Amino acid sequence: MTVLFIDADACPVKAEAERVATRHKVAMKLVSNGGLRPSQNPLVETVIVPDGPDIADMWIAERAGRGDVVVTSDMPLAARCVEAGAQVLRHDGSALTQANIGQQLAMRDLMADLRAADPFRQGGGKGFTKADRSRFLDALERALRQALREAVT
């Protein structure tokens, strides 16, 4: 059975993901350590995990596998889910796969090193745009269709 897992802390596309999951009648799990308003949608489960570093990530990684879709921007979580066979999307719709997850992890580490070397370096990247939201919706539609096919075989 296909499940859509959302790493829900600071996720800007929860409502969009719920619409797509509902259209496909796929269970959706919003995983965080609190602060989320529960959905009235019977397909959506809000999973509150204990506070602590990466507890929500571990919860998702232990459950996601082939035939599932995971939405996250956390690269270590993405790597574990890709390894387990799940399809993984970032909030902007970009897919994380076996072919690119190593590069993404290396880039994450490089950026952490650069921030550590320059205490005046301000974080933040480009803002989340309407185009990102549109790409996410398209990518999630394709990923869920693929996941549903994989879950049958």
C-alpha atoms as a PDB file:
ATOM      1  CA  MET A   1       0.000   0.000   0.000  1.00  0.00           C
ATOM      2  CA  THR A   2       1.459   3.341  -1.050  1.00  0.00           C
ATOM      3  CA  VAL A   3       2.012   5.993   1.625  1.00  0.00           C
ATOM      4  CA  LEU A   4       2.999   9.628   1.169  1.00  0.00           C
ATOM      5  CA  PHE A   5       5.347  10.647   4.000  1.00  0.00           C
ATOM      6  CA  ILE A   6       5.849  14.367   4.639  1.00  0.00           C
ATOM      7  CA  ASP A   7       8.754  15.618   6.732  1.00  0.00           C
ATOM      8  CA  ALA A   8       6.378  18.281   7.981  1.00  0.00           C
ATOM      9  CA  ASP A   9       8.588  20.655   9.972  1.00  0.00           C
ATOM     10  CA  ALA A  10       8.916  23.798   7.836  1.00  0.00           C
ATOM     11  CA  CYS A  11       7.284  22.101   4.836  1.00  0.00           C
ATOM     12  CA  PRO A  12       5.677  24.733   2.577  1.00  0.00           C
ATOM     13  CA  VAL A  13       3.670  22.253   0.467  1.00  0.00           C
ATOM     14  CA  LYS A  14       1.575  20.322   2.995  1.00  0.00           C
ATOM     15  CA  ALA A  15      -1.759  21.529   1.571  1.00  0.00           C
ATOM     16  CA  GLU A  16      -0.704  20.752  -2.005  1.00  0.00           C
ATOM     17  CA  ALA A  17       0.478  17.286  -1.002  1.00  0.00           C
ATOM     18  CA  GLU A  18      -2.831  16.625   0.749  1.00  0.00           C
ATOM     19  CA  ARG A  19      -4.789  17.557  -2.391  1.00  0.00           C
ATOM     20  CA  VAL A  20      -2.747  15.216  -4.587  1.00  0.00           C
ATOM     21  CA  ALA A  21      -2.843  12.368  -2.040  1.00  0.00           C
ATOM     22  CA  THR A  22      -6.613  12.744  -1.709  1.00  0.00           C
ATOM     23  CA  ARG A  23      -7.094  12.686  -5.478  1.00  0.00           C
ATOM     24  CA  HIS A  24      -5.201   9.364  -5.612  1.00  0.00           C
ATOM     25  CA  LYS A  25      -6.765   8.053  -2.380  1.00  0.00           C
ATOM     26  CA  VAL A  26      -3.300   7.566  -0.855  1.00  0.00           C
ATOM     27  CA  ALA A  27      -2.642   7.665   2.886  1.00  0.00           C
ATOM     28  CA  MET A  28      -0.533  10.647   3.926  1.00  0.00           C
ATOM     29  CA  LYS A  29       1.509  10.907   7.119  1.00  0.00           C
ATOM     30  CA  LEU A  30       2.577  14.362   8.324  1.00  0.00           C
ATOM     31  CA  VAL A  31       5.493  13.679  10.660  1.00  0.00           C
ATOM     32  CA  SER A  32       6.827  16.328  13.050  1.00  0.00           C
ATOM     33  CA  ASN A  33       7.577  16.936  16.696  1.00  0.00           C
ATOM     34  CA  GLY A  34       4.521  19.131  17.161  1.00  0.00           C
ATOM     35  CA  GLY A  35       2.919  22.371  16.182  1.00  0.00           C
ATOM     36  CA  LEU A  36       0.773  21.057  13.335  1.00  0.00           C
ATOM     37  CA  ARG A  37      -2.948  21.533  13.007  1.00  0.00           C
ATOM     38  CA  PRO A  38      -4.541  18.100  12.432  1.00  0.00           C
ATOM     39  CA  SER A  39      -6.341  17.639   9.134  1.00  0.00           C
ATOM     40  CA  GLN A  40      -9.989  16.628   8.998  1.00  0.00           C
ATOM     41  CA  ASN A  41      -9.164  14.469   5.978  1.00  0.00           C
ATOM     42  CA  PRO A  42      -9.427  10.770   6.934  1.00  0.00           C
ATOM     43  CA  LEU A  43      -6.500   9.945   4.617  1.00  0.00           C
ATOM     44  CA  VAL A  44      -4.169  12.285   6.519  1.00  0.00           C
ATOM     45  CA  GLU A  45      -2.562  11.201   9.780  1.00  0.00           C
ATOM     46  CA  THR A  46      -0.594  13.673  11.869  1.00  0.00           C
ATOM     47  CA  VAL A  47       2.259  11.810  13.554  1.00  0.00           C
ATOM     48  CA  ILE A  48       3.813  13.638  16.495  1.00  0.00           C
ATOM     49  CA  VAL A  49       7.176  12.224  17.533  1.00  0.00           C
ATOM     50  CA  PRO A  50       9.136  13.090  20.698  1.00  0.00           C
ATOM     51  CA  ASP A  51      11.459  16.095  20.662  1.00  0.00           C
ATOM     52  CA  GLY A  52      15.015  15.298  19.790  1.00  0.00           C
ATOM     53  CA  PRO A  53      17.463  15.503  16.943  1.00  0.00           C
ATOM     54  CA  ASP A  54      16.255  13.710  13.829  1.00  0.00           C
ATOM     55  CA  ILE A  55      13.490  11.724  15.590  1.00  0.00           C
ATOM     56  CA  ALA A  56      10.966  12.569  12.849  1.00  0.00           C
ATOM     57  CA  ASP A  57      13.540  11.635  10.203  1.00  0.00           C
ATOM     58  CA  MET A  58      14.201   8.275  11.869  1.00  0.00           C
ATOM     59  CA  TRP A  59      10.460   7.586  12.093  1.00  0.00           C
ATOM     60  CA  ILE A  60      10.034   8.165   8.358  1.00  0.00           C
ATOM     61  CA  ALA A  61      13.199   6.293   7.348  1.00  0.00           C
ATOM     62  CA  GLU A  62      12.148   3.213   9.332  1.00  0.00           C
ATOM     63  CA  ARG A  63       8.832   3.013   7.455  1.00  0.00           C
ATOM     64  CA  ALA A  64       9.372   4.321   3.916  1.00  0.00           C
ATOM     65  CA  GLY A  65      10.223   1.879   1.161  1.00  0.00           C
ATOM     66  CA  ARG A  66       9.464   0.766  -2.354  1.00  0.00           C
ATOM     67  CA  GLY A  67       6.071   2.019  -3.485  1.00  0.00           C
ATOM     68  CA  ASP A  68       6.134   5.031  -1.122  1.00  0.00           C
ATOM     69  CA  VAL A  69       6.855   8.722  -1.700  1.00  0.00           C
ATOM     70  CA  VAL A  70       8.744  10.938   0.753  1.00  0.00           C
ATOM     71  CA  VAL A  71       8.780  14.752   0.692  1.00  0.00           C
ATOM     72  CA  THR A  72      11.767  16.262   2.501  1.00  0.00           C
ATOM     73  CA  SER A  73      14.643  18.692   2.166  1.00  0.00           C
ATOM     74  CA  ASP A  74      16.737  16.778   4.688  1.00  0.00           C
ATOM     75  CA  MET A  75      19.533  15.106   2.709  1.00  0.00           C
ATOM     76  CA  PRO A  76      20.471  12.347   5.199  1.00  0.00           C
ATOM     77  CA  LEU A  77      16.784  11.361   5.447  1.00  0.00           C
ATOM     78  CA  ALA A  78      16.482  11.489   1.659  1.00  0.00           C
ATOM     79  CA  ALA A  79      19.526   9.234   1.288  1.00  0.00           C
ATOM     80  CA  ARG A  80      18.077   6.633   3.653  1.00  0.00           C
ATOM     81  CA  CYS A  81      14.712   6.676   1.874  1.00  0.00           C
ATOM     82  CA  VAL A  82      16.284   6.450  -1.598  1.00  0.00           C
ATOM     83  CA  GLU A  83      18.341   3.491  -0.355  1.00  0.00           C
ATOM     84  CA  ALA A  84      15.116   1.836   0.875  1.00  0.00           C
ATOM     85  CA  GLY A  85      13.569   2.226  -2.586  1.00  0.00           C
ATOM     86  CA  ALA A  86      11.166   5.100  -1.910  1.00  0.00           C
ATOM     87  CA  GLN A  87      10.736   7.978  -4.309  1.00  0.00           C
ATOM     88  CA  VAL A  88      11.948  11.211  -2.737  1.00  0.00           C
ATOM     89  CA  LEU A  89      11.035  14.775  -3.660  1.00  0.00           C
ATOM     90  CA  ARG A  90      12.170  18.117  -2.361  1.00  0.00           C
ATOM     91  CA  HIS A  91       9.623  20.867  -1.733  1.00  0.00           C
ATOM     92  CA  ASP A  92      10.506  22.464  -5.078  1.00  0.00           C
ATOM     93  CA  GLY A  93       9.663  19.249  -6.952  1.00  0.00           C
ATOM     94  CA  SER A  94      13.217  18.128  -7.647  1.00  0.00           C
ATOM     95  CA  ALA A  95      13.669  14.381  -7.338  1.00  0.00           C
ATOM     96  CA  LEU A  96      16.389  12.811  -5.223  1.00  0.00           C
ATOM     97  CA  THR A  97      17.552   9.521  -6.704  1.00  0.00           C
ATOM     98  CA  GLN A  98      20.405   7.004  -6.566  1.00  0.00           C
ATOM     99  CA  ALA A  99      22.009   9.001  -9.380  1.00  0.00           C
ATOM    100  CA  ASN A 100      22.117  12.345  -7.564  1.00  0.00           C
ATOM    101  CA  ILE A 101      21.858  11.765  -3.800  1.00  0.00           C
ATOM    102  CA  GLY A 102      25.628  11.428  -3.338  1.00  0.00           C
ATOM    103  CA  GLN A 103      26.211  14.790  -4.996  1.00  0.00           C
ATOM    104  CA  GLN A 104      23.464  16.388  -2.884  1.00  0.00           C
ATOM    105  CA  LEU A 105      24.984  15.034   0.342  1.00  0.00           C
ATOM    106  CA  ALA A 106      28.426  16.324  -0.703  1.00  0.00           C
ATOM    107  CA  MET A 107      26.963  19.760  -1.474  1.00  0.00           C
ATOM    108  CA  ARG A 108      25.241  19.823   1.916  1.00  0.00           C
ATOM    109  CA  ASP A 109      28.530  19.035   3.660  1.00  0.00           C
ATOM    110  CA  LEU A 110      30.419  21.628   1.602  1.00  0.00           C
ATOM    111  CA  MET A 111      27.906  24.348   2.477  1.00  0.00           C
ATOM    112  CA  ALA A 112      28.113  23.416   6.177  1.00  0.00           C
ATOM    113  CA  ASP A 113      31.914  23.727   5.993  1.00  0.00           C
ATOM    114  CA  LEU A 114      31.663  27.116   4.262  1.00  0.00           C
ATOM    115  CA  ARG A 115      29.249  28.418   6.911  1.00  0.00           C
ATOM    116  CA  ALA A 116      31.556  27.156   9.680  1.00  0.00           C
ATOM    117  CA  ALA A 117      34.587  28.837   8.082  1.00  0.00           C
ATOM    118  CA  ASP A 118      32.872  32.215   7.713  1.00  0.00           C
ATOM    119  CA  PRO A 119      30.833  33.209  10.777  1.00  0.00           C
ATOM    120  CA  PHE A 120      29.518  36.273   8.925  1.00  0.00           C
ATOM    121  CA  ARG A 121      28.096  34.218   6.075  1.00  0.00           C
ATOM    122  CA  GLN A 122      24.345  34.551   6.222  1.00  0.00           C
ATOM    123  CA  GLY A 123      22.277  31.456   5.535  1.00  0.00           C
ATOM    124  CA  GLY A 124      19.210  31.276   3.446  1.00  0.00           C
ATOM    125  CA  GLY A 125      18.872  30.538  -0.183  1.00  0.00           C
ATOM    126  CA  LYS A 126      16.445  31.574  -2.797  1.00  0.00           C
ATOM    127  CA  GLY A 127      12.852  32.056  -1.711  1.00  0.00           C
ATOM    128  CA  PHE A 128      10.078  29.549  -2.383  1.00  0.00           C
ATOM    129  CA  THR A 129       8.228  30.667  -5.519  1.00  0.00           C
ATOM    130  CA  LYS A 130       4.973  29.929  -7.328  1.00  0.00           C
ATOM    131  CA  ALA A 131       7.063  28.141  -9.956  1.00  0.00           C
ATOM    132  CA  ASP A 132       8.529  25.889  -7.222  1.00  0.00           C
ATOM    133  CA  ARG A 133       5.013  25.095  -5.998  1.00  0.00           C
ATOM    134  CA  SER A 134       3.877  24.274  -9.535  1.00  0.00           C
ATOM    135  CA  ARG A 135       6.919  22.038 -10.155  1.00  0.00           C
ATOM    136  CA  PHE A 136       6.232  20.283  -6.859  1.00  0.00           C
ATOM    137  CA  LEU A 137       2.619  19.551  -7.790  1.00  0.00           C
ATOM    138  CA  ASP A 138       3.648  18.136 -11.167  1.00  0.00           C
ATOM    139  CA  ALA A 139       6.477  16.060  -9.674  1.00  0.00           C
ATOM    140  CA  LEU A 140       4.283  14.696  -6.871  1.00  0.00           C
ATOM    141  CA  GLU A 141       1.585  13.714  -9.360  1.00  0.00           C
ATOM    142  CA  ARG A 142       4.142  11.734 -11.385  1.00  0.00           C
ATOM    143  CA  ALA A 143       5.805  10.241  -8.292  1.00  0.00           C
ATOM    144  CA  LEU A 144       2.512   9.040  -6.803  1.00  0.00           C
ATOM    145  CA  ARG A 145       1.450   7.454 -10.078  1.00  0.00           C
ATOM    146  CA  GLN A 146       4.785   5.638 -10.271  1.00  0.00           C
ATOM    147  CA  ALA A 147       4.590   4.591  -6.610  1.00  0.00           C
ATOM    148  CA  LEU A 148       1.093   3.190  -7.101  1.00  0.00           C
ATOM    149  CA  ARG A 149       2.362   1.125 -10.055  1.00  0.00           C
ATOM    150  CA  GLU A 150       5.313  -0.122  -7.989  1.00  0.00           C
ATOM    151  CA  ALA A 151       3.068  -1.066  -5.068  1.00  0.00           C
ATOM    152  CA  VAL A 152       1.016  -3.341  -7.345  1.00  0.00           C
ATOM    153  CA  THR A 153       4.035  -5.282  -8.647  1.00  0.00           C
END
